[in-house]
Amino acid sequence: MLWFFFCVAVLVLGYFTYGKIIEKIFVINPKRATPAYAMNDGVDYMPMSKTKIWLIQLLNIAGTGPIFGPILGALYGQLQCFGL
């Protein structure tokens, strides 16, 4: 249990410090335009609303469920009976 709390503490510490270290290495300019605005061509690079961005992220995460669900079910479910 001690290892668990140690790992959680390292994870939390890394969460709060890693971003600041990377920010110092790669100088962040908040006024710099993103590629969606700088190279807007209406096909590959175009700005989208936050609603569409979150929907795409949700579909990317939820879309893998029907693929990996049966695979993991087979590996850790019935195939365990056969020693595989």
PDB file of N, CA and C in Angstrom:
ATOM      1  N   MET A   1       0.820  -1.191   0.000  1.00  0.00           N
ATOM      2  CA  MET A   1       0.000   0.000   0.000  1.00  0.00           C
ATOM      3  C   MET A   1       0.865   1.257   0.000  1.00  0.00           C
ATOM      4  N   LEU A   2       2.055   1.116   0.577  1.00  0.00           N
ATOM      5  CA  LEU A   2       2.967   2.255   0.610  1.00  0.00           C
ATOM      6  C   LEU A   2       3.399   2.638  -0.804  1.00  0.00           C
ATOM      7  N   TRP A   3       3.629   1.625  -1.655  1.00  0.00           N
ATOM      8  CA  TRP A   3       4.006   1.900  -3.039  1.00  0.00           C
ATOM      9  C   TRP A   3       2.897   2.637  -3.776  1.00  0.00           C
ATOM     10  N   PHE A   4       1.666   2.287  -3.495  1.00  0.00           N
ATOM     11  CA  PHE A   4       0.532   2.945  -4.137  1.00  0.00           C
ATOM     12  C   PHE A   4       0.527   4.432  -3.821  1.00  0.00           C
ATOM     13  N   PHE A   5       0.659   4.779  -2.540  1.00  0.00           N
ATOM     14  CA  PHE A   5       0.650   6.190  -2.157  1.00  0.00           C
ATOM     15  C   PHE A   5       1.869   6.926  -2.703  1.00  0.00           C
ATOM     16  N   PHE A   6       3.003   6.244  -2.758  1.00  0.00           N
ATOM     17  CA  PHE A   6       4.201   6.848  -3.340  1.00  0.00           C
ATOM     18  C   PHE A   6       3.976   7.160  -4.819  1.00  0.00           C
ATOM     19  N   CYS A   7       3.405   6.214  -5.546  1.00  0.00           N
ATOM     20  CA  CYS A   7       3.158   6.417  -6.979  1.00  0.00           C
ATOM     21  C   CYS A   7       2.117   7.502  -7.227  1.00  0.00           C
ATOM     22  N   VAL A   8       1.096   7.565  -6.396  1.00  0.00           N
ATOM     23  CA  VAL A   8       0.100   8.627  -6.529  1.00  0.00           C
ATOM     24  C   VAL A   8       0.738   9.981  -6.261  1.00  0.00           C
ATOM     25  N   ALA A   9       1.603  10.063  -5.257  1.00  0.00           N
ATOM     26  CA  ALA A   9       2.289  11.323  -4.956  1.00  0.00           C
ATOM     27  C   ALA A   9       3.193  11.746  -6.110  1.00  0.00           C
ATOM     28  N   VAL A  10       3.908  10.797  -6.703  1.00  0.00           N
ATOM     29  CA  VAL A  10       4.768  11.113  -7.852  1.00  0.00           C
ATOM     30  C   VAL A  10       3.923  11.573  -9.032  1.00  0.00           C
ATOM     31  N   LEU A  11       2.795  10.932  -9.255  1.00  0.00           N
ATOM     32  CA  LEU A  11       1.904  11.314 -10.344  1.00  0.00           C
ATOM     33  C   LEU A  11       1.371  12.735 -10.152  1.00  0.00           C
ATOM     34  N   VAL A  12       0.936  13.056  -8.944  1.00  0.00           N
ATOM     35  CA  VAL A  12       0.417  14.397  -8.662  1.00  0.00           C
ATOM     36  C   VAL A  12       1.526  15.434  -8.783  1.00  0.00           C
ATOM     37  N   LEU A  13       2.706  15.126  -8.267  1.00  0.00           N
ATOM     38  CA  LEU A  13       3.837  16.043  -8.375  1.00  0.00           C
ATOM     39  C   LEU A  13       4.211  16.275  -9.841  1.00  0.00           C
ATOM     40  N   GLY A  14       4.241  15.227 -10.621  1.00  0.00           N
ATOM     41  CA  GLY A  14       4.541  15.359 -12.042  1.00  0.00           C
ATOM     42  C   GLY A  14       3.484  16.154 -12.786  1.00  0.00           C
ATOM     43  N   TYR A  15       2.232  15.998 -12.378  1.00  0.00           N
ATOM     44  CA  TYR A  15       1.140  16.734 -13.017  1.00  0.00           C
ATOM     45  C   TYR A  15       1.333  18.235 -12.862  1.00  0.00           C
ATOM     46  N   PHE A  16       1.771  18.659 -11.691  1.00  0.00           N
ATOM     47  CA  PHE A  16       1.907  20.092 -11.436  1.00  0.00           C
ATOM     48  C   PHE A  16       3.241  20.668 -11.895  1.00  0.00           C
ATOM     49  N   THR A  17       4.272  19.855 -12.077  1.00  0.00           N
ATOM     50  CA  THR A  17       5.579  20.399 -12.435  1.00  0.00           C
ATOM     51  C   THR A  17       5.960  20.183 -13.893  1.00  0.00           C
ATOM     52  N   TYR A  18       5.502  19.131 -14.522  1.00  0.00           N
ATOM     53  CA  TYR A  18       5.932  18.807 -15.882  1.00  0.00           C
ATOM     54  C   TYR A  18       5.565  19.910 -16.872  1.00  0.00           C
ATOM     55  N   GLY A  19       4.362  20.438 -16.759  1.00  0.00           N
ATOM     56  CA  GLY A  19       3.925  21.502 -17.664  1.00  0.00           C
ATOM     57  C   GLY A  19       4.786  22.740 -17.562  1.00  0.00           C
ATOM     58  N   LYS A  20       5.193  23.081 -16.362  1.00  0.00           N
ATOM     59  CA  LYS A  20       6.038  24.266 -16.171  1.00  0.00           C
ATOM     60  C   LYS A  20       7.433  24.056 -16.747  1.00  0.00           C
ATOM     61  N   ILE A  21       7.953  22.846 -16.622  1.00  0.00           N
ATOM     62  CA  ILE A  21       9.275  22.553 -17.184  1.00  0.00           C
ATOM     63  C   ILE A  21       9.223  22.618 -18.711  1.00  0.00           C
ATOM     64  N   ILE A  22       8.217  22.023 -19.301  1.00  0.00           N
ATOM     65  CA  ILE A  22       8.071  22.043 -20.756  1.00  0.00           C
ATOM     66  C   ILE A  22       7.834  23.465 -21.250  1.00  0.00           C
ATOM     67  N   GLU A  23       7.107  24.250 -20.484  1.00  0.00           N
ATOM     68  CA  GLU A  23       6.843  25.640 -20.858  1.00  0.00           C
ATOM     69  C   GLU A  23       8.129  26.458 -20.897  1.00  0.00           C
ATOM     70  N   LYS A  24       9.081  26.139 -20.029  1.00  0.00           N
ATOM     71  CA  LYS A  24      10.363  26.847 -20.039  1.00  0.00           C
ATOM     72  C   LYS A  24      11.235  26.405 -21.210  1.00  0.00           C
ATOM     73  N   ILE A  25      11.169  25.130 -21.569  1.00  0.00           N
ATOM     74  CA  ILE A  25      11.984  24.626 -22.676  1.00  0.00           C
ATOM     75  C   ILE A  25      11.459  25.161 -24.013  1.00  0.00           C
ATOM     76  N   PHE A  26      10.172  24.964 -24.260  1.00  0.00           N
ATOM     77  CA  PHE A  26       9.535  25.478 -25.471  1.00  0.00           C
ATOM     78  C   PHE A  26       8.808  26.749 -25.084  1.00  0.00           C
ATOM     79  N   VAL A  27       9.351  27.870 -25.453  1.00  0.00           N
ATOM     80  CA  VAL A  27       8.779  29.155 -25.044  1.00  0.00           C
ATOM     81  C   VAL A  27       7.370  29.269 -25.627  1.00  0.00           C
ATOM     82  N   ILE A  28       6.404  29.430 -24.738  1.00  0.00           N
ATOM     83  CA  ILE A  28       5.007  29.479 -25.132  1.00  0.00           C
ATOM     84  C   ILE A  28       4.624  30.914 -25.466  1.00  0.00           C
ATOM     85  N   ASN A  29       4.009  31.091 -26.627  1.00  0.00           N
ATOM     86  CA  ASN A  29       3.508  32.397 -27.036  1.00  0.00           C
ATOM     87  C   ASN A  29       1.998  32.284 -27.209  1.00  0.00           C
ATOM     88  N   PRO A  30       1.213  32.784 -26.255  1.00  0.00           N
ATOM     89  CA  PRO A  30      -0.242  32.623 -26.356  1.00  0.00           C
ATOM     90  C   PRO A  30      -0.865  33.391 -27.517  1.00  0.00           C
ATOM     91  N   LYS A  31      -0.153  34.361 -28.091  1.00  0.00           N
ATOM     92  CA  LYS A  31      -0.708  35.136 -29.203  1.00  0.00           C
ATOM     93  C   LYS A  31      -0.440  34.475 -30.557  1.00  0.00           C
ATOM     94  N   ARG A  32       0.350  33.406 -30.574  1.00  0.00           N
ATOM     95  CA  ARG A  32       0.661  32.723 -31.826  1.00  0.00           C
ATOM     96  C   ARG A  32      -0.573  31.986 -32.345  1.00  0.00           C
ATOM     97  N   ALA A  33      -0.825  32.117 -33.626  1.00  0.00           N
ATOM     98  CA  ALA A  33      -2.000  31.481 -34.231  1.00  0.00           C
ATOM     99  C   ALA A  33      -1.758  29.983 -34.402  1.00  0.00           C
ATOM    100  N   THR A  34      -2.791  29.206 -34.151  1.00  0.00           N
ATOM    101  CA  THR A  34      -2.703  27.763 -34.350  1.00  0.00           C
ATOM    102  C   THR A  34      -2.772  27.456 -35.849  1.00  0.00           C
ATOM    103  N   PRO A  35      -2.373  26.243 -36.267  1.00  0.00           N
ATOM    104  CA  PRO A  35      -2.437  25.912 -37.698  1.00  0.00           C
ATOM    105  C   PRO A  35      -3.843  26.020 -38.285  1.00  0.00           C
ATOM    106  N   ALA A  36      -4.869  25.841 -37.476  1.00  0.00           N
ATOM    107  CA  ALA A  36      -6.235  25.964 -37.985  1.00  0.00           C
ATOM    108  C   ALA A  36      -6.520  27.377 -38.473  1.00  0.00           C
ATOM    109  N   TYR A  37      -5.886  28.362 -37.872  1.00  0.00           N
ATOM    110  CA  TYR A  37      -6.076  29.747 -38.291  1.00  0.00           C
ATOM    111  C   TYR A  37      -4.969  30.203 -39.242  1.00  0.00           C
ATOM    112  N   ALA A  38      -3.733  29.781 -39.002  1.00  0.00           N
ATOM    113  CA  ALA A  38      -2.612  30.246 -39.821  1.00  0.00           C
ATOM    114  C   ALA A  38      -2.641  29.640 -41.222  1.00  0.00           C
ATOM    115  N   MET A  39      -3.065  28.381 -41.358  1.00  0.00           N
ATOM    116  CA  MET A  39      -3.072  27.710 -42.662  1.00  0.00           C
ATOM    117  C   MET A  39      -4.486  27.282 -43.055  1.00  0.00           C
ATOM    118  N   ASN A  40      -5.463  28.096 -42.764  1.00  0.00           N
ATOM    119  CA  ASN A  40      -6.859  27.765 -43.033  1.00  0.00           C
ATOM    120  C   ASN A  40      -7.074  27.628 -44.538  1.00  0.00           C
ATOM    121  N   ASP A  41      -7.418  26.411 -44.968  1.00  0.00           N
ATOM    122  CA  ASP A  41      -7.699  26.185 -46.383  1.00  0.00           C
ATOM    123  C   ASP A  41      -9.118  25.658 -46.599  1.00  0.00           C
ATOM    124  N   GLY A  42      -9.876  25.487 -45.531  1.00  0.00           N
ATOM    125  CA  GLY A  42     -11.249  25.035 -45.646  1.00  0.00           C
ATOM    126  C   GLY A  42     -11.408  23.536 -45.814  1.00  0.00           C
ATOM    127  N   VAL A  43     -10.294  22.800 -45.903  1.00  0.00           N
ATOM    128  CA  VAL A  43     -10.369  21.351 -46.071  1.00  0.00           C
ATOM    129  C   VAL A  43      -9.671  20.654 -44.911  1.00  0.00           C
ATOM    130  N   ASP A  44      -8.350  20.772 -44.871  1.00  0.00           N
ATOM    131  CA  ASP A  44      -7.576  20.094 -43.838  1.00  0.00           C
ATOM    132  C   ASP A  44      -7.425  20.935 -42.579  1.00  0.00           C
ATOM    133  N   TYR A  45      -7.198  22.207 -42.752  1.00  0.00           N
ATOM    134  CA  TYR A  45      -6.992  23.109 -41.615  1.00  0.00           C
ATOM    135  C   TYR A  45      -8.139  24.097 -41.559  1.00  0.00           C
ATOM    136  N   MET A  46      -8.977  23.954 -40.552  1.00  0.00           N
ATOM    137  CA  MET A  46     -10.056  24.915 -40.343  1.00  0.00           C
ATOM    138  C   MET A  46     -10.489  24.869 -38.887  1.00  0.00           C
ATOM    139  N   PRO A  47     -10.788  26.032 -38.319  1.00  0.00           N
ATOM    140  CA  PRO A  47     -11.193  26.060 -36.914  1.00  0.00           C
ATOM    141  C   PRO A  47     -12.567  25.412 -36.719  1.00  0.00           C
ATOM    142  N   MET A  48     -12.721  24.756 -35.569  1.00  0.00           N
ATOM    143  CA  MET A  48     -13.990  24.116 -35.236  1.00  0.00           C
ATOM    144  C   MET A  48     -14.451  24.601 -33.867  1.00  0.00           C
ATOM    145  N   SER A  49     -15.725  24.446 -33.614  1.00  0.00           N
ATOM    146  CA  SER A  49     -16.262  24.834 -32.310  1.00  0.00           C
ATOM    147  C   SER A  49     -15.848  23.811 -31.252  1.00  0.00           C
ATOM    148  N   LYS A  50     -15.890  24.230 -30.002  1.00  0.00           N
ATOM    149  CA  LYS A  50     -15.505  23.328 -28.911  1.00  0.00           C
ATOM    150  C   LYS A  50     -16.436  22.123 -28.830  1.00  0.00           C
ATOM    151  N   THR A  51     -17.691  22.313 -29.187  1.00  0.00           N
ATOM    152  CA  THR A  51     -18.639  21.203 -29.154  1.00  0.00           C
ATOM    153  C   THR A  51     -18.215  20.096 -30.121  1.00  0.00           C
ATOM    154  N   LYS A  52     -17.826  20.473 -31.328  1.00  0.00           N
ATOM    155  CA  LYS A  52     -17.395  19.472 -32.309  1.00  0.00           C
ATOM    156  C   LYS A  52     -16.097  18.800 -31.885  1.00  0.00           C
ATOM    157  N   ILE A  53     -15.187  19.567 -31.301  1.00  0.00           N
ATOM    158  CA  ILE A  53     -13.915  18.991 -30.858  1.00  0.00           C
ATOM    159  C   ILE A  53     -14.158  17.947 -29.776  1.00  0.00           C
ATOM    160  N   TRP A  54     -15.006  18.267 -28.781  1.00  0.00           N
ATOM    161  CA  TRP A  54     -15.290  17.313 -27.707  1.00  0.00           C
ATOM    162  C   TRP A  54     -16.035  16.094 -28.239  1.00  0.00           C
ATOM    163  N   LEU A  55     -16.907  16.289 -29.227  1.00  0.00           N
ATOM    164  CA  LEU A  55     -17.623  15.159 -29.806  1.00  0.00           C
ATOM    165  C   LEU A  55     -16.662  14.219 -30.534  1.00  0.00           C
ATOM    166  N   ILE A  56     -15.701  14.778 -31.254  1.00  0.00           N
ATOM    167  CA  ILE A  56     -14.711  13.949 -31.946  1.00  0.00           C
ATOM    168  C   ILE A  56     -13.880  13.166 -30.937  1.00  0.00           C
ATOM    169  N   GLN A  57     -13.472  13.817 -29.848  1.00  0.00           N
ATOM    170  CA  GLN A  57     -12.699  13.117 -28.818  1.00  0.00           C
ATOM    171  C   GLN A  57     -13.520  11.984 -28.202  1.00  0.00           C
ATOM    172  N   LEU A  58     -14.785  12.248 -27.919  1.00  0.00           N
ATOM    173  CA  LEU A  58     -15.657  11.221 -27.346  1.00  0.00           C
ATOM    174  C   LEU A  58     -15.814  10.043 -28.303  1.00  0.00           C
ATOM    175  N   LEU A  59     -16.004  10.329 -29.578  1.00  0.00           N
ATOM    176  CA  LEU A  59     -16.164   9.252 -30.550  1.00  0.00           C
ATOM    177  C   LEU A  59     -14.879   8.460 -30.725  1.00  0.00           C
ATOM    178  N   ASN A  60     -13.731   9.117 -30.635  1.00  0.00           N
ATOM    179  CA  ASN A  60     -12.464   8.392 -30.732  1.00  0.00           C
ATOM    180  C   ASN A  60     -12.288   7.441 -29.558  1.00  0.00           C
ATOM    181  N   ILE A  61     -12.687   7.880 -28.372  1.00  0.00           N
ATOM    182  CA  ILE A  61     -12.551   7.033 -27.188  1.00  0.00           C
ATOM    183  C   ILE A  61     -13.616   5.933 -27.195  1.00  0.00           C
ATOM    184  N   ALA A  62     -14.862   6.308 -27.442  1.00  0.00           N
ATOM    185  CA  ALA A  62     -15.954   5.337 -27.394  1.00  0.00           C
ATOM    186  C   ALA A  62     -15.916   4.379 -28.579  1.00  0.00           C
ATOM    187  N   GLY A  63     -15.316   4.789 -29.678  1.00  0.00           N
ATOM    188  CA  GLY A  63     -15.263   3.939 -30.861  1.00  0.00           C
ATOM    189  C   GLY A  63     -14.374   2.728 -30.697  1.00  0.00           C
ATOM    190  N   THR A  64     -13.421   2.791 -29.780  1.00  0.00           N
ATOM    191  CA  THR A  64     -12.540   1.643 -29.580  1.00  0.00           C
ATOM    192  C   THR A  64     -13.176   0.586 -28.686  1.00  0.00           C
ATOM    193  N   GLY A  65     -14.252   0.914 -28.004  1.00  0.00           N
ATOM    194  CA  GLY A  65     -14.914  -0.041 -27.116  1.00  0.00           C
ATOM    195  C   GLY A  65     -15.391  -1.302 -27.815  1.00  0.00           C
ATOM    196  N   PRO A  66     -16.125  -1.182 -28.933  1.00  0.00           N
ATOM    197  CA  PRO A  66     -16.573  -2.393 -29.629  1.00  0.00           C
ATOM    198  C   PRO A  66     -15.436  -3.218 -30.229  1.00  0.00           C
ATOM    199  N   ILE A  67     -14.269  -2.607 -30.400  1.00  0.00           N
ATOM    200  CA  ILE A  67     -13.133  -3.350 -30.949  1.00  0.00           C
ATOM    201  C   ILE A  67     -12.385  -4.072 -29.837  1.00  0.00           C
ATOM    202  N   PHE A  68     -11.991  -3.328 -28.812  1.00  0.00           N
ATOM    203  CA  PHE A  68     -11.160  -3.906 -27.760  1.00  0.00           C
ATOM    204  C   PHE A  68     -11.966  -4.648 -26.698  1.00  0.00           C
ATOM    205  N   GLY A  69     -13.245  -4.351 -26.563  1.00  0.00           N
ATOM    206  CA  GLY A  69     -14.070  -5.031 -25.572  1.00  0.00           C
ATOM    207  C   GLY A  69     -14.132  -6.533 -25.780  1.00  0.00           C
ATOM    208  N   PRO A  70     -14.526  -6.999 -26.966  1.00  0.00           N
ATOM    209  CA  PRO A  70     -14.554  -8.446 -27.197  1.00  0.00           C
ATOM    210  C   PRO A  70     -13.178  -9.098 -27.139  1.00  0.00           C
ATOM    211  N   ILE A  71     -12.154  -8.369 -27.590  1.00  0.00           N
ATOM    212  CA  ILE A  71     -10.799  -8.933 -27.531  1.00  0.00           C
ATOM    213  C   ILE A  71     -10.388  -9.164 -26.083  1.00  0.00           C
ATOM    214  N   LEU A  72     -10.576  -8.163 -25.235  1.00  0.00           N
ATOM    215  CA  LEU A  72     -10.217  -8.313 -23.823  1.00  0.00           C
ATOM    216  C   LEU A  72     -11.110  -9.332 -23.134  1.00  0.00           C
ATOM    217  N   GLY A  73     -12.386  -9.364 -23.531  1.00  0.00           N
ATOM    218  CA  GLY A  73     -13.280 -10.365 -22.962  1.00  0.00           C
ATOM    219  C   GLY A  73     -12.840 -11.775 -23.301  1.00  0.00           C
ATOM    220  N   ALA A  74     -12.379 -11.967 -24.523  1.00  0.00           N
ATOM    221  CA  ALA A  74     -11.910 -13.296 -24.924  1.00  0.00           C
ATOM    222  C   ALA A  74     -10.603 -13.647 -24.231  1.00  0.00           C
ATOM    223  N   LEU A  75      -9.710 -12.676 -24.127  1.00  0.00           N
ATOM    224  CA  LEU A  75      -8.412 -12.955 -23.511  1.00  0.00           C
ATOM    225  C   LEU A  75      -8.519 -13.227 -22.016  1.00  0.00           C
ATOM    226  N   TYR A  76      -9.306 -12.409 -21.325  1.00  0.00           N
ATOM    227  CA  TYR A  76      -9.378 -12.533 -19.871  1.00  0.00           C
ATOM    228  C   TYR A  76     -10.666 -13.203 -19.408  1.00  0.00           C
ATOM    229  N   GLY A  77     -11.457 -13.684 -20.338  1.00  0.00           N
ATOM    230  CA  GLY A  77     -12.709 -14.342 -19.991  1.00  0.00           C
ATOM    231  C   GLY A  77     -12.652 -15.820 -20.268  1.00  0.00           C
ATOM    232  N   GLN A  78     -13.307 -16.249 -21.353  1.00  0.00           N
ATOM    233  CA  GLN A  78     -13.419 -17.669 -21.639  1.00  0.00           C
ATOM    234  C   GLN A  78     -12.107 -18.327 -22.031  1.00  0.00           C
ATOM    235  N   LEU A  79     -11.194 -17.609 -22.651  1.00  0.00           N
ATOM    236  CA  LEU A  79      -9.941 -18.241 -23.058  1.00  0.00           C
ATOM    237  C   LEU A  79      -9.075 -18.626 -21.864  1.00  0.00           C
ATOM    238  N   GLN A  80      -9.343 -18.085 -20.704  1.00  0.00           N
ATOM    239  CA  GLN A  80      -8.594 -18.469 -19.508  1.00  0.00           C
ATOM    240  C   GLN A  80      -8.883 -19.924 -19.137  1.00  0.00           C
ATOM    241  N   CYS A  81     -10.059 -20.410 -19.501  1.00  0.00           N
ATOM    242  CA  CYS A  81     -10.400 -21.811 -19.218  1.00  0.00           C
ATOM    243  C   CYS A  81      -9.503 -22.775 -19.980  1.00  0.00           C
ATOM    244  N   PHE A  82      -9.025 -22.350 -21.133  1.00  0.00           N
ATOM    245  CA  PHE A  82      -8.204 -23.206 -21.975  1.00  0.00           C
ATOM    246  C   PHE A  82      -6.718 -23.014 -21.723  1.00  0.00           C
ATOM    247  N   GLY A  83      -6.367 -22.163 -20.792  1.00  0.00           N
ATOM    248  CA  GLY A  83      -4.966 -21.942 -20.455  1.00  0.00           C
ATOM    249  C   GLY A  83      -4.240 -21.037 -21.430  1.00  0.00           C
ATOM    250  N   LEU A  84      -4.966 -20.259 -22.207  1.00  0.00           N
ATOM    251  CA  LEU A  84      -4.331 -19.346 -23.167  1.00  0.00           C
ATOM    252  C   LEU A  84      -4.122 -17.983 -22.560  1.00  0.00           C
TER     253      LEU A  84
END
